[in-house]
Each structure stands twice: as C-alpha cells, then as structure tokens.
Amino acid sequence: MPAVHKYGHEAMATTFEIFLATEDEDYAASMAREAFQLLDNLEDKLSRFRPHSDVSIINQLEAGESVKLSIPVFDCLKLAFEISNETAGAFDVSLAPVMDRIRNEKGEIVELEQEVLDEAFEEKREGLFLLSLEDLSVYCQATGAGIDLGGIGKGFALDQMAEFLEEWDLPQALLHGGGSTVLALDPPEGEEGWKVGFGEESGREPVWLKRAALSGSGKAVKGAHVLDPRTGQPALGHTRTWAQAPSAALSDALSTAFMVMSKEEVDAYCESHSGVQAYFL
C-alpha cells in the first residue's frame, strides 16, 4: 500500500492540509505545492480582507453599479446564493456589515441589545446583489449588504484543489481547511475510506469518508449567540452540527445553516438532496 504523505500551508487565517497516498513522494510534493498556489490565488479573489479582491470590489459598489467577476468568484457566489435560496435564508453570505457590528476584535459574537441587532439587520435587508449569467457580473440593487464568503469560500477552495489533484492523477487524497471541513476523494488502496471523526473530543465518532465532505459548526467556535439570518434573533437549540455532502463548499454552508434550522427543516432538506446527511449535538 502506498505511503500517505502530508503537506500543510497557511491560508485564509487557518492551516490547510493535504494527505496524498502515492508511491511517488517527489511528485506528490510538487503537486501539493501547486495546489497550495491555487489556494493562495483563490484567497486573493475571495477574501473581503484583500483590498483588491473581487469580493472587496463588490462590497464597494453603490446602488445601480455592477462589476464583472472572475470565474471562481462568480461560481462561489452563485453557489452561495443557491444554498441561501434552498435553505430559505438560513445560510446567508451577505451579512458582512451585520457581523462586523456584533463581533469583537477576536471575532466572537458579543451580547447586544435587541434594538442594535434589529437596526443592523434592517440595514442588511436594504441591500441586494443580483448575478448575471450572461457576462458573469454582479449588480448592486441597493446599498446596505456586504459579502463575506467565509467558510463556504474555504470549502470552495478545497473543492478546487481536489479537482486540480485529480487532473494530475492524484485521486487518493484527503484535504481539510483548518479541521472544520474535510474533503475525501478516493481512499488509500485497501481502505474503505479516509477515517475522520466528529463529536466531542472525549468521544469522537469515526466516519469513513469517500468522495464526500464533512463540515462542522458550533457555538463553541462562533460564540454563545449564533444568529439566525432569517430573523436576526439568536438561534436556540443545537450546540453543534455537522453536515456531510458531496462537496466541501456545500458541506460547509449546510453545517452553518443547520445550526439555525429546526430538526424538521433539516430532515426535509436531507430527504430532498442526495448525499446530504446531518449530525447534531
């Protein structure tokens, strides 16, 4: 059985890792470097904290203005809007101005008076972005919203890196972005899948992933108050959620959406979408 080689890289404010099962270690190392270069290029386009990124330019648009996007950013934004529609707004990437107001310097959600939350969400609701498939552009219908691709951007990057590795004949691979989202391609020879775990550290449950992604979200990471984008109210109920899905981008987005969706809403979504499973704590 080929050895498994591990490679790491800092990007998107976390550590990405690639595990490759192959006998050719030199080739694996070379392709891992290329995949991480692709990751860096994607971050330059997807991050709202890069002044000249596509997303930063989107967030500077005034009402009535539009801008043409690079293909990766358009594809990621299109997917984010589609998931938002399918989850009835439980997932929303247009909350950047809201989250900036309610997070402290550590990125933790702070407790605010309801009047402040209502005001922030009202400003967000005034903004709306429309995508054009004809010329890959985004149109700002009104000011007030702002894009932050956040986790789905990391998941999208994992999907793009995995596609790159497969194109260069390295299909036996496992990738993760900071540990919150893991994407498995083919497992090492003789294995049923890549072994990953979810749950509390003291009692993690094993999952054998093959051609699937697993992502987790929880209050321990995002703070005591996870906001429901549909209402602007703190979400109650789930402490942590995990979503298994065919792609890393979808898995990451759904793990966030499942935090604020009811058990009935999550069950209905999983039943109507092949390859999607949910786990709760």
Protein backbone atom coordinates (compact mmCIF):
# COMPACT_ATOMS: atom_id res chain seq x y z
CA MET A 1 0.00 0.00 0.00
CA PRO A 2 1.42 3.42 -0.93
CA ALA A 3 2.56 5.65 1.90
CA VAL A 4 0.44 8.66 2.85
CA HIS A 5 2.27 11.98 2.57
CA LYS A 6 1.14 15.08 4.47
CA TYR A 7 1.56 18.71 3.41
CA GLY A 8 0.46 21.90 5.14
CA HIS A 9 0.00 25.55 4.20
CA GLU A 10 -1.23 28.69 5.95
CA ALA A 11 -4.06 30.49 4.13
CA MET A 12 -7.45 32.07 4.83
CA ALA A 13 -6.47 32.57 8.50
CA THR A 14 -6.07 28.84 9.12
CA THR A 15 -3.95 25.80 8.23
CA PHE A 16 -4.86 23.76 5.17
CA GLU A 17 -3.53 20.23 4.86
CA ILE A 18 -3.34 17.70 2.04
CA PHE A 19 -2.83 13.96 2.51
CA LEU A 20 -1.77 12.06 -0.62
CA ALA A 21 -1.48 8.28 -0.93
CA THR A 22 1.09 7.59 -3.63
CA GLU A 23 4.45 5.90 -4.13
CA ASP A 24 5.92 8.94 -5.87
CA GLU A 25 6.70 11.29 -2.98
CA ASP A 26 8.53 13.84 -5.12
CA TYR A 27 5.59 14.16 -7.49
CA ALA A 28 3.16 14.40 -4.58
CA ALA A 29 5.19 17.21 -3.00
CA SER A 30 5.35 19.10 -6.29
CA MET A 31 1.61 18.84 -6.91
CA ALA A 32 0.83 19.80 -3.30
CA ARG A 33 2.83 22.99 -3.79
CA GLU A 34 0.87 23.72 -6.96
CA ALA A 35 -2.42 23.08 -5.17
CA PHE A 36 -1.44 25.49 -2.41
CA GLN A 37 -0.51 28.09 -5.01
CA LEU A 38 -4.01 27.70 -6.40
CA LEU A 39 -5.32 28.21 -2.86
CA ASP A 40 -3.36 31.46 -2.50
CA ASN A 41 -4.69 32.72 -5.82
CA LEU A 42 -8.25 31.93 -4.73
CA GLU A 43 -7.78 33.75 -1.44
CA ASP A 44 -6.67 36.84 -3.35
CA LYS A 45 -10.02 36.79 -5.15
CA LEU A 46 -12.39 35.53 -2.44
CA SER A 47 -11.26 37.33 0.71
CA ARG A 48 -13.06 40.54 1.62
CA PHE A 49 -9.96 41.50 3.61
CA ARG A 50 -7.83 41.80 0.48
CA PRO A 51 -8.34 45.40 -0.80
CA HIS A 52 -8.24 44.46 -4.49
CA SER A 53 -10.15 41.17 -4.32
CA ASP A 54 -13.33 40.63 -6.29
CA VAL A 55 -15.31 40.49 -3.06
CA SER A 56 -13.85 43.77 -1.76
CA ILE A 57 -14.82 45.42 -5.03
CA ILE A 58 -18.35 44.01 -4.74
CA ASN A 59 -18.64 45.47 -1.25
CA GLN A 60 -17.69 48.93 -2.54
CA LEU A 61 -20.46 49.02 -5.15
CA GLU A 62 -23.09 51.72 -4.89
CA ALA A 63 -26.72 51.18 -5.83
CA GLY A 64 -27.06 50.73 -9.58
CA GLU A 65 -23.42 49.76 -10.12
CA SER A 66 -22.14 46.39 -11.34
CA VAL A 67 -18.81 44.66 -11.83
CA LYS A 68 -17.64 41.65 -13.82
CA LEU A 69 -16.23 38.86 -11.67
CA SER A 70 -13.56 36.24 -12.18
CA ILE A 71 -14.99 32.78 -12.88
CA PRO A 72 -14.10 31.29 -9.44
CA VAL A 73 -15.71 34.14 -7.51
CA PHE A 74 -18.82 34.10 -9.68
CA ASP A 75 -19.15 30.32 -9.25
CA CYS A 76 -18.69 30.51 -5.47
CA LEU A 77 -21.13 33.40 -5.10
CA LYS A 78 -23.68 31.68 -7.35
CA LEU A 79 -23.47 28.54 -5.21
CA ALA A 80 -23.84 30.59 -2.01
CA PHE A 81 -26.97 32.31 -3.33
CA GLU A 82 -28.43 28.97 -4.44
CA ILE A 83 -27.89 27.44 -1.00
CA SER A 84 -29.41 30.52 0.62
CA ASN A 85 -32.50 30.07 -1.54
CA GLU A 86 -32.73 26.32 -0.86
CA THR A 87 -32.46 26.86 2.92
CA ALA A 88 -34.96 29.76 2.92
CA GLY A 89 -32.25 32.16 4.06
CA ALA A 90 -30.80 30.03 6.87
CA PHE A 91 -27.46 30.42 5.09
CA ASP A 92 -26.54 33.96 4.04
CA VAL A 93 -23.21 35.39 2.83
CA SER A 94 -24.48 38.98 2.70
CA LEU A 95 -24.20 39.56 6.45
CA ALA A 96 -20.74 41.17 6.50
CA PRO A 97 -21.89 44.61 7.80
CA VAL A 98 -24.06 42.96 10.45
CA MET A 99 -21.35 40.66 11.71
CA ASP A 100 -18.83 43.49 11.80
CA ARG A 101 -21.10 45.31 14.21
CA ILE A 102 -21.73 42.43 16.58
CA ARG A 103 -18.30 40.77 16.73
CA ASN A 104 -15.41 41.87 18.93
CA GLU A 105 -11.75 42.06 17.90
CA LYS A 106 -11.38 38.29 18.46
CA GLY A 107 -14.22 37.51 16.08
CA GLU A 108 -16.55 36.44 18.89
CA ILE A 109 -20.22 37.43 18.84
CA VAL A 110 -20.90 39.81 21.71
CA GLU A 111 -24.21 40.25 23.50
CA LEU A 112 -26.05 43.30 22.20
CA GLU A 113 -29.40 44.88 22.90
CA GLN A 114 -32.14 43.73 20.55
CA GLU A 115 -32.57 47.27 19.24
CA VAL A 116 -28.98 47.22 17.97
CA LEU A 117 -29.49 43.83 16.29
CA ASP A 118 -32.73 44.97 14.67
CA GLU A 119 -31.04 48.10 13.33
CA ALA A 120 -28.13 46.11 11.89
CA PHE A 121 -30.39 43.59 10.17
CA GLU A 122 -32.62 46.33 8.77
CA GLU A 123 -29.58 47.88 7.10
CA LYS A 124 -28.66 44.48 5.68
CA ARG A 125 -32.14 43.93 4.27
CA GLU A 126 -31.83 47.13 2.27
CA GLY A 127 -29.04 45.63 0.19
CA LEU A 128 -29.41 43.06 -2.55
CA PHE A 129 -26.99 41.65 -5.11
CA LEU A 130 -28.09 40.15 -8.44
CA LEU A 131 -25.93 37.87 -10.59
CA SER A 132 -25.88 37.84 -14.39
CA LEU A 133 -25.01 34.56 -16.09
CA GLU A 134 -24.61 36.36 -19.41
CA ASP A 135 -21.46 38.28 -18.51
CA LEU A 136 -20.51 36.87 -15.07
CA SER A 137 -21.26 40.17 -13.35
CA VAL A 138 -22.88 41.15 -10.09
CA TYR A 139 -25.29 44.08 -9.79
CA CYS A 140 -25.88 46.05 -6.61
CA GLN A 141 -29.56 46.85 -6.34
CA ALA A 142 -29.21 48.87 -3.13
CA THR A 143 -26.56 49.65 -0.55
CA GLY A 144 -26.63 48.04 2.87
CA ALA A 145 -25.43 44.46 2.35
CA GLY A 146 -21.89 43.18 2.09
CA ILE A 147 -20.43 39.84 1.02
CA ASP A 148 -18.32 37.63 3.29
CA LEU A 149 -17.80 34.18 1.76
CA GLY A 150 -16.13 32.95 4.95
CA GLY A 151 -16.49 29.20 5.40
CA ILE A 152 -18.04 28.49 2.02
CA GLY A 153 -15.01 30.19 0.47
CA LYS A 154 -12.72 27.73 2.26
CA GLY A 155 -14.90 24.83 1.18
CA PHE A 156 -14.92 26.10 -2.39
CA ALA A 157 -11.12 26.30 -2.30
CA LEU A 158 -10.91 22.68 -1.09
CA ASP A 159 -13.12 21.59 -3.99
CA GLN A 160 -10.94 23.44 -6.49
CA MET A 161 -7.74 21.97 -5.03
CA ALA A 162 -9.21 18.46 -5.10
CA GLU A 163 -10.20 18.90 -8.74
CA PHE A 164 -6.65 20.02 -9.53
CA LEU A 165 -5.12 16.96 -7.82
CA GLU A 166 -7.42 14.62 -9.72
CA GLU A 167 -6.50 16.25 -13.01
CA TRP A 168 -2.85 15.47 -12.22
CA ASP A 169 -3.53 11.81 -11.42
CA LEU A 170 -3.57 12.05 -7.61
CA PRO A 171 -7.09 10.84 -6.78
CA GLN A 172 -6.22 9.14 -3.48
CA ALA A 173 -6.38 12.29 -1.40
CA LEU A 174 -7.79 13.89 1.73
CA LEU A 175 -7.90 17.66 2.20
CA HIS A 176 -9.02 19.87 5.06
CA GLY A 177 -9.20 23.56 5.83
CA GLY A 178 -8.48 24.22 9.48
CA GLY A 179 -10.08 20.98 10.61
CA SER A 180 -13.62 22.33 10.37
CA THR A 181 -14.17 20.97 6.85
CA VAL A 182 -12.63 17.82 5.42
CA LEU A 183 -12.93 16.56 1.83
CA ALA A 184 -12.16 12.97 0.87
CA LEU A 185 -11.51 11.67 -2.63
CA ASP A 186 -10.53 8.04 -3.15
CA PRO A 187 -9.11 6.29 -0.07
CA PRO A 188 -5.70 4.60 0.08
CA GLU A 189 -5.60 1.17 -1.55
CA GLY A 190 -7.35 -1.47 0.55
CA GLU A 191 -9.20 1.04 2.75
CA GLU A 192 -12.97 1.62 2.73
CA GLY A 193 -12.48 5.34 3.18
CA TRP A 194 -10.50 8.04 4.96
CA LYS A 195 -11.10 7.83 8.71
CA VAL A 196 -12.22 11.14 10.22
CA GLY A 197 -14.13 11.91 13.40
CA PHE A 198 -16.79 14.22 14.71
CA GLY A 199 -18.29 14.98 18.09
CA GLU A 200 -16.80 15.98 21.43
CA GLU A 201 -13.06 15.42 21.80
CA SER A 202 -13.69 12.90 24.60
CA GLY A 203 -15.97 10.72 22.48
CA ARG A 204 -15.40 11.35 18.79
CA GLU A 205 -17.36 9.14 16.41
CA PRO A 206 -15.45 7.71 13.42
CA VAL A 207 -16.69 8.31 9.90
CA TRP A 208 -15.18 6.69 6.82
CA LEU A 209 -15.31 9.29 4.07
CA LYS A 210 -15.05 8.52 0.38
CA ARG A 211 -15.98 11.01 -2.34
CA ALA A 212 -17.66 13.20 0.26
CA ALA A 213 -17.06 16.13 2.61
CA LEU A 214 -17.83 16.64 6.29
CA SER A 215 -18.04 20.02 7.98
CA GLY A 216 -18.92 21.15 11.49
CA SER A 217 -20.23 24.35 13.09
CA GLY A 218 -20.87 25.14 16.71
CA LYS A 219 -21.34 27.72 19.40
CA ALA A 220 -18.00 26.82 20.93
CA VAL A 221 -16.33 28.39 17.90
CA LYS A 222 -18.74 31.16 16.91
CA GLY A 223 -19.78 32.26 20.36
CA ALA A 224 -22.73 31.82 22.65
CA HIS A 225 -25.12 33.53 20.25
CA VAL A 226 -25.34 32.18 16.70
CA LEU A 227 -27.65 34.48 14.78
CA ASP A 228 -30.42 33.25 12.52
CA PRO A 229 -30.06 35.26 9.27
CA ARG A 230 -33.81 34.90 8.66
CA THR A 231 -34.85 36.70 11.83
CA GLY A 232 -31.85 38.48 13.28
CA GLN A 233 -32.51 36.63 16.52
CA PRO A 234 -30.07 34.38 18.41
CA ALA A 235 -30.53 30.76 17.35
CA LEU A 236 -31.53 28.30 20.04
CA GLY A 237 -31.41 24.52 20.16
CA HIS A 238 -28.34 22.94 18.54
CA THR A 239 -24.97 23.17 20.25
CA ARG A 240 -23.05 21.74 17.31
CA THR A 241 -23.99 20.46 13.89
CA TRP A 242 -22.19 18.56 11.15
CA ALA A 243 -23.15 18.22 7.51
CA GLN A 244 -21.94 15.53 5.13
CA ALA A 245 -22.33 16.44 1.47
CA PRO A 246 -20.88 15.70 -1.98
CA SER A 247 -18.73 18.87 -1.97
CA ALA A 248 -16.79 20.81 0.66
CA ALA A 249 -18.47 24.10 -0.21
CA LEU A 250 -21.94 22.62 0.22
CA SER A 251 -20.94 20.79 3.40
CA ASP A 252 -19.53 23.94 4.99
CA ALA A 253 -22.56 26.05 4.10
CA LEU A 254 -25.02 23.44 5.34
CA SER A 255 -23.29 22.92 8.67
CA THR A 256 -23.82 26.64 9.27
CA ALA A 257 -27.42 26.60 8.05
CA PHE A 258 -28.28 23.53 10.13
CA MET A 259 -27.29 25.45 13.28
CA VAL A 260 -30.36 27.68 12.88
CA MET A 261 -32.76 25.32 11.11
CA SER A 262 -35.21 23.18 13.05
CA LYS A 263 -34.81 19.42 13.13
CA GLU A 264 -37.83 19.13 10.83
CA GLU A 265 -36.34 21.61 8.34
CA VAL A 266 -33.02 19.77 8.32
CA ASP A 267 -34.71 16.39 7.83
CA ALA A 268 -36.72 17.76 4.91
CA TYR A 269 -33.59 19.20 3.29
CA CYS A 270 -31.65 15.94 3.65
CA GLU A 271 -34.52 13.89 2.25
CA SER A 272 -34.68 16.06 -0.88
CA HIS A 273 -30.92 16.28 -1.52
CA SER A 274 -28.99 13.12 -2.35
CA GLY A 275 -25.76 12.57 -0.48
CA VAL A 276 -26.54 15.02 2.34
CA GLN A 277 -26.62 13.87 5.97
CA ALA A 278 -26.84 15.82 9.22
CA TYR A 279 -25.50 15.12 12.69
CA PHE A 280 -26.43 17.03 15.85
CA LEU A 281 -25.10 17.56 19.34
